[in-house]
Amino acid sequence: MRRTGRWLFIAALSAPLGASLHAAPNDVIGSYPVDEVAANVFVMTGPLGEPSVANQGFMNNPAWIVTRDGVVVIDPGSSVQAGRRVLKEIGKITGKPVTHVFTTHIHGDHWLGNHAILEVWPQAKLVAHPDMIAKAHAGEAQSWVALMSRLTEGYTDGTRAHIPTVAAADGQLFKVGERRFKVHSVNDAHSKTDLMIEVDGGILFTGDIVLNGRVARMDDGLFQGTIRAIDRAVSVPAKTIVPGHGKTGGRGLLTAQREYLQTLFDAVRIEYDTGKADFEMKAAIVEKLAKFRHWHGFDAAVGRHISLAILEIERQ
């Protein structure tokens, strides 16, 4: 089976500290930049794009927070191979155990790396929205495993779906060492299974409710619900925003994502009320969204977004 960019990760075949020794060409993904975005808060920024052979299925932003008592991971990636890379990077910083893993939503590119975490730290608590857990058990977990394999031409094979077992309630506070993790749970936003994680009041992990420089997939969610979730994020006094995809930034990420969604939804409503079909209104809506045309995936997604917005309007 073809392996693009194989030379990038031949040197990284050894298993992470504590893992079983079963190195193979697809044991781990290649390296990506890791930034300390706040004190002892690290983000491994994935490339913009869709899962592919070239990126080995990796394109989200795994993160970890080092505490006095252990390490908390948020969204460890799309496969056991991605999760092993996350553990390698954590091992460069600390030897403390991973005690908790937060999953921001159902889409497997964010959480199938749980497999690697449990290989090394089997006592780690896997935390998610209760509806994420239910949907994963109902078949979405295996669907994502199969999808990642297909999109990477088998690179992620061997990944098993380790579904979270701890259902987080809205407003729930997790205390790990000296750090505080507050859950903001919503069920009508990007995937209808979304958590945002507020760390110490100063950092907010938004999952795919907010992205940076990339158009979000909206097939599983609602525009108006996502806008409300962003409004909630705005109410959090966090200065550092870690999006589900794209580089970490400031509060401007919240307002930019909200503006895109609100502009599109309002424009679709106006055109829909005049009796236009989706293809008839596209040109006018694209013009109103001109400032976002440089976002990754815009041209491919905007037509789909218009159609989804129409369906949402018709359900009201």
C-alpha atoms as a PDB file:
ATOM      1  CA  MET A   1       0.000   0.000   0.000  1.00  0.00           C
ATOM      2  CA  ARG A   2       1.336   3.443  -0.909  1.00  0.00           C
ATOM      3  CA  ARG A   3       2.872   5.604   1.813  1.00  0.00           C
ATOM      4  CA  THR A   4       3.407   9.261   0.947  1.00  0.00           C
ATOM      5  CA  GLY A   5       6.164  11.067   2.846  1.00  0.00           C
ATOM      6  CA  ARG A   6       7.350   7.864   4.492  1.00  0.00           C
ATOM      7  CA  TRP A   7      10.840   9.200   5.069  1.00  0.00           C
ATOM      8  CA  LEU A   8       9.426  11.889   7.393  1.00  0.00           C
ATOM      9  CA  PHE A   9       8.646   9.393  10.097  1.00  0.00           C
ATOM     10  CA  ILE A  10      11.009   6.437   9.593  1.00  0.00           C
ATOM     11  CA  ALA A  11      13.134   7.896  12.404  1.00  0.00           C
ATOM     12  CA  ALA A  12      10.115   7.946  14.743  1.00  0.00           C
ATOM     13  CA  LEU A  13       9.219   4.269  14.702  1.00  0.00           C
ATOM     14  CA  SER A  14       9.959   3.473  18.334  1.00  0.00           C
ATOM     15  CA  ALA A  15       6.928   3.277  20.618  1.00  0.00           C
ATOM     16  CA  PRO A  16       6.317   5.987  23.242  1.00  0.00           C
ATOM     17  CA  LEU A  17       7.540   5.443  26.777  1.00  0.00           C
ATOM     18  CA  GLY A  18       5.569   2.635  28.389  1.00  0.00           C
ATOM     19  CA  ALA A  19       3.870   1.420  25.207  1.00  0.00           C
ATOM     20  CA  SER A  20       4.071  -2.094  23.821  1.00  0.00           C
ATOM     21  CA  LEU A  21       6.898  -2.600  21.351  1.00  0.00           C
ATOM     22  CA  HIS A  22       5.239  -3.171  18.000  1.00  0.00           C
ATOM     23  CA  ALA A  23       6.950  -0.598  15.823  1.00  0.00           C
ATOM     24  CA  ALA A  24       6.009  -0.577  12.171  1.00  0.00           C
ATOM     25  CA  PRO A  25       6.060   1.954   9.335  1.00  0.00           C
ATOM     26  CA  ASN A  26       2.743   3.316  10.547  1.00  0.00           C
ATOM     27  CA  ASP A  27       3.582   3.290  14.246  1.00  0.00           C
ATOM     28  CA  VAL A  28       3.484   7.077  14.608  1.00  0.00           C
ATOM     29  CA  ILE A  29       2.807  10.156  12.507  1.00  0.00           C
ATOM     30  CA  GLY A  30       5.481  12.693  11.612  1.00  0.00           C
ATOM     31  CA  SER A  31       6.370  15.606  13.852  1.00  0.00           C
ATOM     32  CA  TYR A  32       4.447  18.874  13.971  1.00  0.00           C
ATOM     33  CA  PRO A  33       5.100  22.166  15.773  1.00  0.00           C
ATOM     34  CA  VAL A  34       4.363  22.294  19.497  1.00  0.00           C
ATOM     35  CA  ASP A  35       3.842  25.680  21.142  1.00  0.00           C
ATOM     36  CA  GLU A  36       3.503  26.616  24.790  1.00  0.00           C
ATOM     37  CA  VAL A  37       0.494  28.929  24.433  1.00  0.00           C
ATOM     38  CA  ALA A  38       0.244  29.634  28.171  1.00  0.00           C
ATOM     39  CA  ALA A  39       2.124  28.478  31.247  1.00  0.00           C
ATOM     40  CA  ASN A  40       2.415  24.665  30.963  1.00  0.00           C
ATOM     41  CA  VAL A  41      -0.268  24.586  28.258  1.00  0.00           C
ATOM     42  CA  PHE A  42       0.956  23.046  24.996  1.00  0.00           C
ATOM     43  CA  VAL A  43      -0.687  22.747  21.580  1.00  0.00           C
ATOM     44  CA  MET A  44       0.493  20.600  18.675  1.00  0.00           C
ATOM     45  CA  THR A  45      -0.951  22.439  15.688  1.00  0.00           C
ATOM     46  CA  GLY A  46      -2.062  20.255  12.819  1.00  0.00           C
ATOM     47  CA  PRO A  47      -2.129  21.317   9.172  1.00  0.00           C
ATOM     48  CA  LEU A  48      -5.254  22.750   7.618  1.00  0.00           C
ATOM     49  CA  GLY A  49      -6.935  20.307   5.277  1.00  0.00           C
ATOM     50  CA  GLU A  50      -8.781  17.022   5.232  1.00  0.00           C
ATOM     51  CA  PRO A  51      -7.405  13.664   6.405  1.00  0.00           C
ATOM     52  CA  SER A  52      -5.196  12.261   3.648  1.00  0.00           C
ATOM     53  CA  VAL A  53      -2.209  10.093   2.843  1.00  0.00           C
ATOM     54  CA  ALA A  54       0.004  13.176   2.872  1.00  0.00           C
ATOM     55  CA  ASN A  55      -0.909  14.250   6.414  1.00  0.00           C
ATOM     56  CA  GLN A  56      -1.311  10.661   7.684  1.00  0.00           C
ATOM     57  CA  GLY A  57      -4.820  11.565   8.821  1.00  0.00           C
ATOM     58  CA  PHE A  58      -3.667  14.246  11.228  1.00  0.00           C
ATOM     59  CA  MET A  59      -5.181  17.742  11.056  1.00  0.00           C
ATOM     60  CA  ASN A  60      -6.546  18.760  14.464  1.00  0.00           C
ATOM     61  CA  ASN A  61      -4.899  20.487  17.443  1.00  0.00           C
ATOM     62  CA  PRO A  62      -4.082  18.046  20.266  1.00  0.00           C
ATOM     63  CA  ALA A  63      -3.215  19.843  23.483  1.00  0.00           C
ATOM     64  CA  TRP A  64      -2.006  19.018  26.953  1.00  0.00           C
ATOM     65  CA  ILE A  65      -1.816  20.819  30.265  1.00  0.00           C
ATOM     66  CA  VAL A  66       0.846  19.853  32.770  1.00  0.00           C
ATOM     67  CA  THR A  67      -0.339  20.019  36.369  1.00  0.00           C
ATOM     68  CA  ARG A  68       1.235  19.233  39.721  1.00  0.00           C
ATOM     69  CA  ASP A  69      -0.473  15.821  39.731  1.00  0.00           C
ATOM     70  CA  GLY A  70      -0.388  14.807  36.087  1.00  0.00           C
ATOM     71  CA  VAL A  71      -1.163  15.714  32.495  1.00  0.00           C
ATOM     72  CA  VAL A  72      -4.574  16.543  31.045  1.00  0.00           C
ATOM     73  CA  VAL A  73      -4.926  15.959  27.289  1.00  0.00           C
ATOM     74  CA  ILE A  74      -7.527  17.573  25.054  1.00  0.00           C
ATOM     75  CA  ASP A  75      -8.370  15.906  21.708  1.00  0.00           C
ATOM     76  CA  PRO A  76      -5.420  13.516  21.198  1.00  0.00           C
ATOM     77  CA  GLY A  77      -5.901  13.191  17.445  1.00  0.00           C
ATOM     78  CA  SER A  78      -7.320  11.013  14.710  1.00  0.00           C
ATOM     79  CA  SER A  79      -5.619   7.658  15.212  1.00  0.00           C
ATOM     80  CA  VAL A  80      -3.451   5.559  17.460  1.00  0.00           C
ATOM     81  CA  GLN A  81      -0.510   6.834  15.378  1.00  0.00           C
ATOM     82  CA  ALA A  82      -1.404  10.470  16.078  1.00  0.00           C
ATOM     83  CA  GLY A  83      -1.890   9.704  19.751  1.00  0.00           C
ATOM     84  CA  ARG A  84       1.565   8.145  19.931  1.00  0.00           C
ATOM     85  CA  ARG A  85       3.071  11.311  18.506  1.00  0.00           C
ATOM     86  CA  VAL A  86       1.251  13.313  21.164  1.00  0.00           C
ATOM     87  CA  LEU A  87       2.720  11.052  23.854  1.00  0.00           C
ATOM     88  CA  LYS A  88       6.206  11.431  22.386  1.00  0.00           C
ATOM     89  CA  GLU A  89       5.868  15.202  22.580  1.00  0.00           C
ATOM     90  CA  ILE A  90       4.510  15.059  26.128  1.00  0.00           C
ATOM     91  CA  GLY A  91       7.462  12.852  27.072  1.00  0.00           C
ATOM     92  CA  LYS A  92       9.876  15.583  25.982  1.00  0.00           C
ATOM     93  CA  ILE A  93       8.329  17.880  28.584  1.00  0.00           C
ATOM     94  CA  THR A  94       7.373  15.697  31.542  1.00  0.00           C
ATOM     95  CA  GLY A  95       7.264  12.122  32.756  1.00  0.00           C
ATOM     96  CA  LYS A  96       4.034  12.676  34.687  1.00  0.00           C
ATOM     97  CA  PRO A  97       1.089  10.404  33.926  1.00  0.00           C
ATOM     98  CA  VAL A  98      -1.866  11.362  31.763  1.00  0.00           C
ATOM     99  CA  THR A  99      -4.789  11.437  34.192  1.00  0.00           C
ATOM    100  CA  HIS A 100      -7.626  12.839  32.037  1.00  0.00           C
ATOM    101  CA  VAL A 101      -8.460  13.127  28.343  1.00  0.00           C
ATOM    102  CA  PHE A 102     -11.204  15.505  27.200  1.00  0.00           C
ATOM    103  CA  THR A 103     -12.948  14.896  23.882  1.00  0.00           C
ATOM    104  CA  THR A 104     -14.564  18.013  22.455  1.00  0.00           C
ATOM    105  CA  HIS A 105     -17.031  16.258  20.128  1.00  0.00           C
ATOM    106  CA  ILE A 106     -17.970  13.126  18.179  1.00  0.00           C
ATOM    107  CA  HIS A 107     -15.843  13.655  15.053  1.00  0.00           C
ATOM    108  CA  GLY A 108     -13.152  11.003  15.157  1.00  0.00           C
ATOM    109  CA  ASP A 109     -10.307  13.158  13.872  1.00  0.00           C
ATOM    110  CA  HIS A 110     -10.241  14.589  17.409  1.00  0.00           C
ATOM    111  CA  TRP A 111     -10.455  11.550  19.688  1.00  0.00           C
ATOM    112  CA  LEU A 112      -9.400   8.250  18.125  1.00  0.00           C
ATOM    113  CA  GLY A 113      -5.952   8.941  19.580  1.00  0.00           C
ATOM    114  CA  ASN A 114      -7.460   7.768  22.893  1.00  0.00           C
ATOM    115  CA  HIS A 115      -6.160   4.334  21.860  1.00  0.00           C
ATOM    116  CA  ALA A 116      -2.563   5.469  22.292  1.00  0.00           C
ATOM    117  CA  ILE A 117      -3.240   7.171  25.629  1.00  0.00           C
ATOM    118  CA  LEU A 118      -4.684   3.995  27.131  1.00  0.00           C
ATOM    119  CA  GLU A 119      -1.778   1.915  25.794  1.00  0.00           C
ATOM    120  CA  VAL A 120       0.494   3.847  28.133  1.00  0.00           C
ATOM    121  CA  TRP A 121      -1.823   5.218  30.820  1.00  0.00           C
ATOM    122  CA  PRO A 122      -4.731   2.747  31.125  1.00  0.00           C
ATOM    123  CA  GLN A 123      -6.120   4.508  34.219  1.00  0.00           C
ATOM    124  CA  ALA A 124      -6.640   7.800  32.390  1.00  0.00           C
ATOM    125  CA  LYS A 125     -10.239   9.052  32.572  1.00  0.00           C
ATOM    126  CA  LEU A 126     -11.805   9.697  29.160  1.00  0.00           C
ATOM    127  CA  VAL A 127     -14.298  12.580  29.379  1.00  0.00           C
ATOM    128  CA  ALA A 128     -16.890  13.707  26.823  1.00  0.00           C
ATOM    129  CA  HIS A 129     -20.410  15.029  26.249  1.00  0.00           C
ATOM    130  CA  PRO A 130     -22.975  12.336  27.156  1.00  0.00           C
ATOM    131  CA  ASP A 131     -24.448  12.508  23.640  1.00  0.00           C
ATOM    132  CA  MET A 132     -20.992  11.987  22.165  1.00  0.00           C
ATOM    133  CA  ILE A 133     -20.672   8.798  24.199  1.00  0.00           C
ATOM    134  CA  ALA A 134     -24.118   7.610  23.097  1.00  0.00           C
ATOM    135  CA  LYS A 135     -23.493   8.342  19.417  1.00  0.00           C
ATOM    136  CA  ALA A 136     -20.102   6.652  19.503  1.00  0.00           C
ATOM    137  CA  HIS A 137     -21.666   3.486  20.928  1.00  0.00           C
ATOM    138  CA  ALA A 138     -24.467   3.681  18.349  1.00  0.00           C
ATOM    139  CA  GLY A 139     -22.025   3.219  15.469  1.00  0.00           C
ATOM    140  CA  GLU A 140     -20.296   6.524  14.812  1.00  0.00           C
ATOM    141  CA  ALA A 141     -17.086   5.347  16.446  1.00  0.00           C
ATOM    142  CA  GLN A 142     -16.598   2.533  13.961  1.00  0.00           C
ATOM    143  CA  SER A 143     -17.710   4.748  11.092  1.00  0.00           C
ATOM    144  CA  TRP A 144     -14.905   7.158  11.934  1.00  0.00           C
ATOM    145  CA  VAL A 145     -12.334   4.380  12.243  1.00  0.00           C
ATOM    146  CA  ALA A 146     -13.307   3.177   8.766  1.00  0.00           C
ATOM    147  CA  LEU A 147     -13.356   6.692   7.309  1.00  0.00           C
ATOM    148  CA  MET A 148      -9.872   7.512   8.589  1.00  0.00           C
ATOM    149  CA  SER A 149      -8.540   4.273   7.130  1.00  0.00           C
ATOM    150  CA  ARG A 150     -10.097   4.985   3.755  1.00  0.00           C
ATOM    151  CA  LEU A 151      -8.910   8.599   3.561  1.00  0.00           C
ATOM    152  CA  THR A 152      -5.332   7.660   4.516  1.00  0.00           C
ATOM    153  CA  GLU A 153      -5.234   4.522   2.338  1.00  0.00           C
ATOM    154  CA  GLY A 154      -4.776   2.356   5.408  1.00  0.00           C
ATOM    155  CA  TYR A 155      -2.179   4.397   7.279  1.00  0.00           C
ATOM    156  CA  THR A 156      -4.321   4.588  10.423  1.00  0.00           C
ATOM    157  CA  ASP A 157      -5.115   0.877  10.406  1.00  0.00           C
ATOM    158  CA  GLY A 158      -4.763  -0.691  13.842  1.00  0.00           C
ATOM    159  CA  THR A 159      -6.642   2.145  15.512  1.00  0.00           C
ATOM    160  CA  ARG A 160      -9.346   1.027  17.906  1.00  0.00           C
ATOM    161  CA  ALA A 161     -12.119   3.301  19.110  1.00  0.00           C
ATOM    162  CA  HIS A 162     -11.780   3.758  22.869  1.00  0.00           C
ATOM    163  CA  ILE A 163     -15.013   5.555  23.671  1.00  0.00           C
ATOM    164  CA  PRO A 164     -15.027   7.965  26.624  1.00  0.00           C
ATOM    165  CA  THR A 165     -16.725   6.687  29.761  1.00  0.00           C
ATOM    166  CA  VAL A 166     -17.070   9.844  31.853  1.00  0.00           C
ATOM    167  CA  ALA A 167     -20.039  11.984  30.827  1.00  0.00           C
ATOM    168  CA  ALA A 168     -19.370  15.647  31.592  1.00  0.00           C
ATOM    169  CA  ALA A 169     -22.199  17.908  32.714  1.00  0.00           C
ATOM    170  CA  ASP A 170     -22.500  21.548  31.720  1.00  0.00           C
ATOM    171  CA  GLY A 171     -20.623  23.667  34.230  1.00  0.00           C
ATOM    172  CA  GLN A 172     -18.838  20.701  35.767  1.00  0.00           C
ATOM    173  CA  LEU A 173     -15.475  21.514  37.305  1.00  0.00           C
ATOM    174  CA  PHE A 174     -12.569  19.077  37.144  1.00  0.00           C
ATOM    175  CA  LYS A 175      -9.660  19.774  39.504  1.00  0.00           C
ATOM    176  CA  VAL A 176      -6.322  18.253  38.593  1.00  0.00           C
ATOM    177  CA  GLY A 177      -3.468  19.386  40.778  1.00  0.00           C
ATOM    178  CA  GLU A 178      -3.497  23.156  41.000  1.00  0.00           C
ATOM    179  CA  ARG A 179      -5.465  23.617  37.748  1.00  0.00           C
ATOM    180  CA  ARG A 180      -9.176  23.940  37.096  1.00  0.00           C
ATOM    181  CA  PHE A 181     -11.018  22.681  34.021  1.00  0.00           C
ATOM    182  CA  LYS A 182     -14.560  23.985  33.579  1.00  0.00           C
ATOM    183  CA  VAL A 183     -16.833  22.278  31.059  1.00  0.00           C
ATOM    184  CA  HIS A 184     -19.143  24.287  28.802  1.00  0.00           C
ATOM    185  CA  SER A 185     -21.487  21.716  27.269  1.00  0.00           C
ATOM    186  CA  VAL A 186     -23.835  22.428  24.353  1.00  0.00           C
ATOM    187  CA  ASN A 187     -26.058  20.122  22.318  1.00  0.00           C
ATOM    188  CA  ASP A 188     -27.135  22.271  19.369  1.00  0.00           C
ATOM    189  CA  ALA A 189     -23.851  23.578  17.948  1.00  0.00           C
ATOM    190  CA  HIS A 190     -21.187  22.190  15.601  1.00  0.00           C
ATOM    191  CA  SER A 191     -21.891  18.496  16.173  1.00  0.00           C
ATOM    192  CA  LYS A 192     -24.643  18.546  18.819  1.00  0.00           C
ATOM    193  CA  THR A 193     -22.158  16.762  21.106  1.00  0.00           C
ATOM    194  CA  ASP A 194     -19.789  19.620  21.883  1.00  0.00           C
ATOM    195  CA  LEU A 195     -17.712  20.554  24.900  1.00  0.00           C
ATOM    196  CA  MET A 196     -15.641  23.683  25.330  1.00  0.00           C
ATOM    197  CA  ILE A 197     -13.000  23.448  28.047  1.00  0.00           C
ATOM    198  CA  GLU A 198     -12.076  26.535  30.074  1.00  0.00           C
ATOM    199  CA  VAL A 199      -8.722  26.228  31.819  1.00  0.00           C
ATOM    200  CA  ASP A 200      -8.070  28.450  34.846  1.00  0.00           C
ATOM    201  CA  GLY A 201     -10.348  31.115  33.387  1.00  0.00           C
ATOM    202  CA  GLY A 202      -7.679  32.250  30.935  1.00  0.00           C
ATOM    203  CA  ILE A 203      -7.600  29.639  28.162  1.00  0.00           C
ATOM    204  CA  LEU A 204     -10.561  28.289  26.200  1.00  0.00           C
ATOM    205  CA  PHE A 205     -10.483  25.164  24.050  1.00  0.00           C
ATOM    206  CA  THR A 206     -13.405  25.506  21.651  1.00  0.00           C
ATOM    207  CA  GLY A 207     -13.253  22.277  19.683  1.00  0.00           C
ATOM    208  CA  ASP A 208     -14.747  22.832  16.238  1.00  0.00           C
ATOM    209  CA  ILE A 209     -17.224  25.441  17.430  1.00  0.00           C
ATOM    210  CA  VAL A 210     -14.456  27.883  16.463  1.00  0.00           C
ATOM    211  CA  LEU A 211     -11.730  27.382  13.854  1.00  0.00           C
ATOM    212  CA  ASN A 212      -8.954  29.638  12.610  1.00  0.00           C
ATOM    213  CA  GLY A 213      -8.671  30.169   8.858  1.00  0.00           C
ATOM    214  CA  ARG A 214     -10.782  27.153   8.000  1.00  0.00           C
ATOM    215  CA  VAL A 215     -14.443  26.676   7.121  1.00  0.00           C
ATOM    216  CA  ALA A 216     -16.197  24.349   9.554  1.00  0.00           C
ATOM    217  CA  ARG A 217     -18.135  21.226   8.650  1.00  0.00           C
ATOM    218  CA  MET A 218     -21.773  21.915   9.547  1.00  0.00           C
ATOM    219  CA  ASP A 219     -23.502  18.734   8.377  1.00  0.00           C
ATOM    220  CA  ASP A 220     -24.098  17.506  11.936  1.00  0.00           C
ATOM    221  CA  GLY A 221     -24.888  20.812  13.618  1.00  0.00           C
ATOM    222  CA  LEU A 222     -26.874  24.021  13.564  1.00  0.00           C
ATOM    223  CA  PHE A 223     -25.849  27.517  12.539  1.00  0.00           C
ATOM    224  CA  GLN A 224     -27.914  29.290  15.154  1.00  0.00           C
ATOM    225  CA  GLY A 225     -26.859  26.878  17.887  1.00  0.00           C
ATOM    226  CA  THR A 226     -23.215  27.377  16.991  1.00  0.00           C
ATOM    227  CA  ILE A 227     -23.691  31.142  17.082  1.00  0.00           C
ATOM    228  CA  ARG A 228     -25.183  30.840  20.572  1.00  0.00           C
ATOM    229  CA  ALA A 229     -22.245  28.671  21.640  1.00  0.00           C
ATOM    230  CA  ILE A 230     -19.818  31.305  20.390  1.00  0.00           C
ATOM    231  CA  ASP A 231     -21.739  33.958  22.329  1.00  0.00           C
ATOM    232  CA  ARG A 232     -21.219  31.815  25.387  1.00  0.00           C
ATOM    233  CA  ALA A 233     -17.521  31.552  24.598  1.00  0.00           C
ATOM    234  CA  VAL A 234     -17.376  35.340  24.343  1.00  0.00           C
ATOM    235  CA  SER A 235     -18.734  35.531  27.904  1.00  0.00           C
ATOM    236  CA  VAL A 236     -15.760  33.513  29.170  1.00  0.00           C
ATOM    237  CA  PRO A 237     -12.924  35.871  30.223  1.00  0.00           C
ATOM    238  CA  ALA A 238     -10.315  33.863  28.312  1.00  0.00           C
ATOM    239  CA  LYS A 239      -7.580  35.678  26.412  1.00  0.00           C
ATOM    240  CA  THR A 240      -6.129  32.599  24.714  1.00  0.00           C
ATOM    241  CA  ILE A 241      -8.400  30.729  22.312  1.00  0.00           C
ATOM    242  CA  VAL A 242      -7.397  27.275  21.073  1.00  0.00           C
ATOM    243  CA  PRO A 243      -9.555  26.351  18.063  1.00  0.00           C
ATOM    244  CA  GLY A 244     -10.268  22.840  16.858  1.00  0.00           C
ATOM    245  CA  HIS A 245      -8.273  23.510  13.675  1.00  0.00           C
ATOM    246  CA  GLY A 246      -5.868  26.312  12.829  1.00  0.00           C
ATOM    247  CA  LYS A 247      -3.454  28.287  14.952  1.00  0.00           C
ATOM    248  CA  THR A 248      -4.103  29.371  18.517  1.00  0.00           C
ATOM    249  CA  GLY A 249      -5.049  33.040  18.791  1.00  0.00           C
ATOM    250  CA  GLY A 250      -6.884  35.671  20.756  1.00  0.00           C
ATOM    251  CA  ARG A 251     -10.519  36.610  21.159  1.00  0.00           C
ATOM    252  CA  GLY A 252     -10.691  37.771  17.557  1.00  0.00           C
ATOM    253  CA  LEU A 253     -11.103  34.124  16.563  1.00  0.00           C
ATOM    254  CA  LEU A 254     -14.478  34.093  18.295  1.00  0.00           C
ATOM    255  CA  THR A 255     -15.778  37.193  16.560  1.00  0.00           C
ATOM    256  CA  ALA A 256     -14.510  36.097  13.134  1.00  0.00           C
ATOM    257  CA  GLN A 257     -16.213  32.694  13.352  1.00  0.00           C
ATOM    258  CA  ARG A 258     -19.420  34.274  14.587  1.00  0.00           C
ATOM    259  CA  GLU A 259     -19.398  36.850  11.808  1.00  0.00           C
ATOM    260  CA  TYR A 260     -19.010  34.187   9.128  1.00  0.00           C
ATOM    261  CA  LEU A 261     -21.898  32.106  10.453  1.00  0.00           C
ATOM    262  CA  GLN A 262     -24.215  35.032  11.149  1.00  0.00           C
ATOM    263  CA  THR A 263     -23.517  36.733   7.813  1.00  0.00           C
ATOM    264  CA  LEU A 264     -24.180  33.536   5.888  1.00  0.00           C
ATOM    265  CA  PHE A 265     -27.318  32.601   7.803  1.00  0.00           C
ATOM    266  CA  ASP A 266     -28.850  36.088   7.591  1.00  0.00           C
ATOM    267  CA  ALA A 267     -28.045  36.346   3.880  1.00  0.00           C
ATOM    268  CA  VAL A 268     -29.608  32.962   3.162  1.00  0.00           C
ATOM    269  CA  ARG A 269     -32.751  33.949   5.041  1.00  0.00           C
ATOM    270  CA  ILE A 270     -33.090  37.148   2.985  1.00  0.00           C
ATOM    271  CA  GLU A 271     -32.622  35.318  -0.310  1.00  0.00           C
ATOM    272  CA  TYR A 272     -34.868  32.440   0.751  1.00  0.00           C
ATOM    273  CA  ASP A 273     -37.680  34.843   1.599  1.00  0.00           C
ATOM    274  CA  THR A 274     -37.578  36.130  -1.994  1.00  0.00           C
ATOM    275  CA  GLY A 275     -38.195  32.592  -3.249  1.00  0.00           C
ATOM    276  CA  LYS A 276     -34.705  31.813  -4.533  1.00  0.00           C
ATOM    277  CA  ALA A 277     -33.249  28.310  -4.614  1.00  0.00           C
ATOM    278  CA  ASP A 278     -29.824  27.606  -3.153  1.00  0.00           C
ATOM    279  CA  PHE A 279     -27.991  27.766  -6.484  1.00  0.00           C
ATOM    280  CA  GLU A 280     -29.731  31.036  -7.375  1.00  0.00           C
ATOM    281  CA  MET A 281     -28.624  32.810  -4.193  1.00  0.00           C
ATOM    282  CA  LYS A 282     -25.039  31.540  -4.071  1.00  0.00           C
ATOM    283  CA  ALA A 283     -23.368  34.397  -5.968  1.00  0.00           C
ATOM    284  CA  ALA A 284     -24.923  37.081  -3.764  1.00  0.00           C
ATOM    285  CA  ILE A 285     -24.019  35.258  -0.584  1.00  0.00           C
ATOM    286  CA  VAL A 286     -20.451  34.612  -1.672  1.00  0.00           C
ATOM    287  CA  GLU A 287     -20.102  38.338  -2.306  1.00  0.00           C
ATOM    288  CA  LYS A 288     -21.241  39.099   1.248  1.00  0.00           C
ATOM    289  CA  LEU A 289     -18.689  36.593   2.545  1.00  0.00           C
ATOM    290  CA  ALA A 290     -15.805  38.007   0.495  1.00  0.00           C
ATOM    291  CA  LYS A 291     -13.588  38.654   3.538  1.00  0.00           C
ATOM    292  CA  PHE A 292     -13.643  34.921   4.335  1.00  0.00           C
ATOM    293  CA  ARG A 293     -12.824  33.565   0.878  1.00  0.00           C
ATOM    294  CA  HIS A 294      -9.207  32.944   1.863  1.00  0.00           C
ATOM    295  CA  TRP A 295     -10.284  30.473   4.546  1.00  0.00           C
ATOM    296  CA  HIS A 296      -9.339  26.900   3.769  1.00  0.00           C
ATOM    297  CA  GLY A 297     -12.222  24.998   2.206  1.00  0.00           C
ATOM    298  CA  PHE A 298     -14.392  28.040   1.501  1.00  0.00           C
ATOM    299  CA  ASP A 299     -15.083  27.356  -2.179  1.00  0.00           C
ATOM    300  CA  ALA A 300     -15.881  23.713  -1.554  1.00  0.00           C
ATOM    301  CA  ALA A 301     -18.063  24.304   1.511  1.00  0.00           C
ATOM    302  CA  VAL A 302     -20.046  27.479   0.905  1.00  0.00           C
ATOM    303  CA  GLY A 303     -22.627  25.884  -1.382  1.00  0.00           C
ATOM    304  CA  ARG A 304     -23.176  23.106   1.138  1.00  0.00           C
ATOM    305  CA  HIS A 305     -23.504  25.656   3.931  1.00  0.00           C
ATOM    306  CA  ILE A 306     -26.181  27.529   1.980  1.00  0.00           C
ATOM    307  CA  SER A 307     -28.199  24.347   1.503  1.00  0.00           C
ATOM    308  CA  LEU A 308     -27.868  23.427   5.179  1.00  0.00           C
ATOM    309  CA  ALA A 309     -28.904  26.925   6.249  1.00  0.00           C
ATOM    310  CA  ILE A 310     -32.044  26.624   4.088  1.00  0.00           C
ATOM    311  CA  LEU A 311     -32.924  23.349   5.773  1.00  0.00           C
ATOM    312  CA  GLU A 312     -32.462  24.963   9.185  1.00  0.00           C
ATOM    313  CA  ILE A 313     -34.693  27.889   8.221  1.00  0.00           C
ATOM    314  CA  GLU A 314     -37.370  25.538   6.933  1.00  0.00           C
ATOM    315  CA  ARG A 315     -37.395  23.650  10.256  1.00  0.00           C
ATOM    316  CA  GLN A 316     -38.137  26.814  12.223  1.00  0.00           C
END
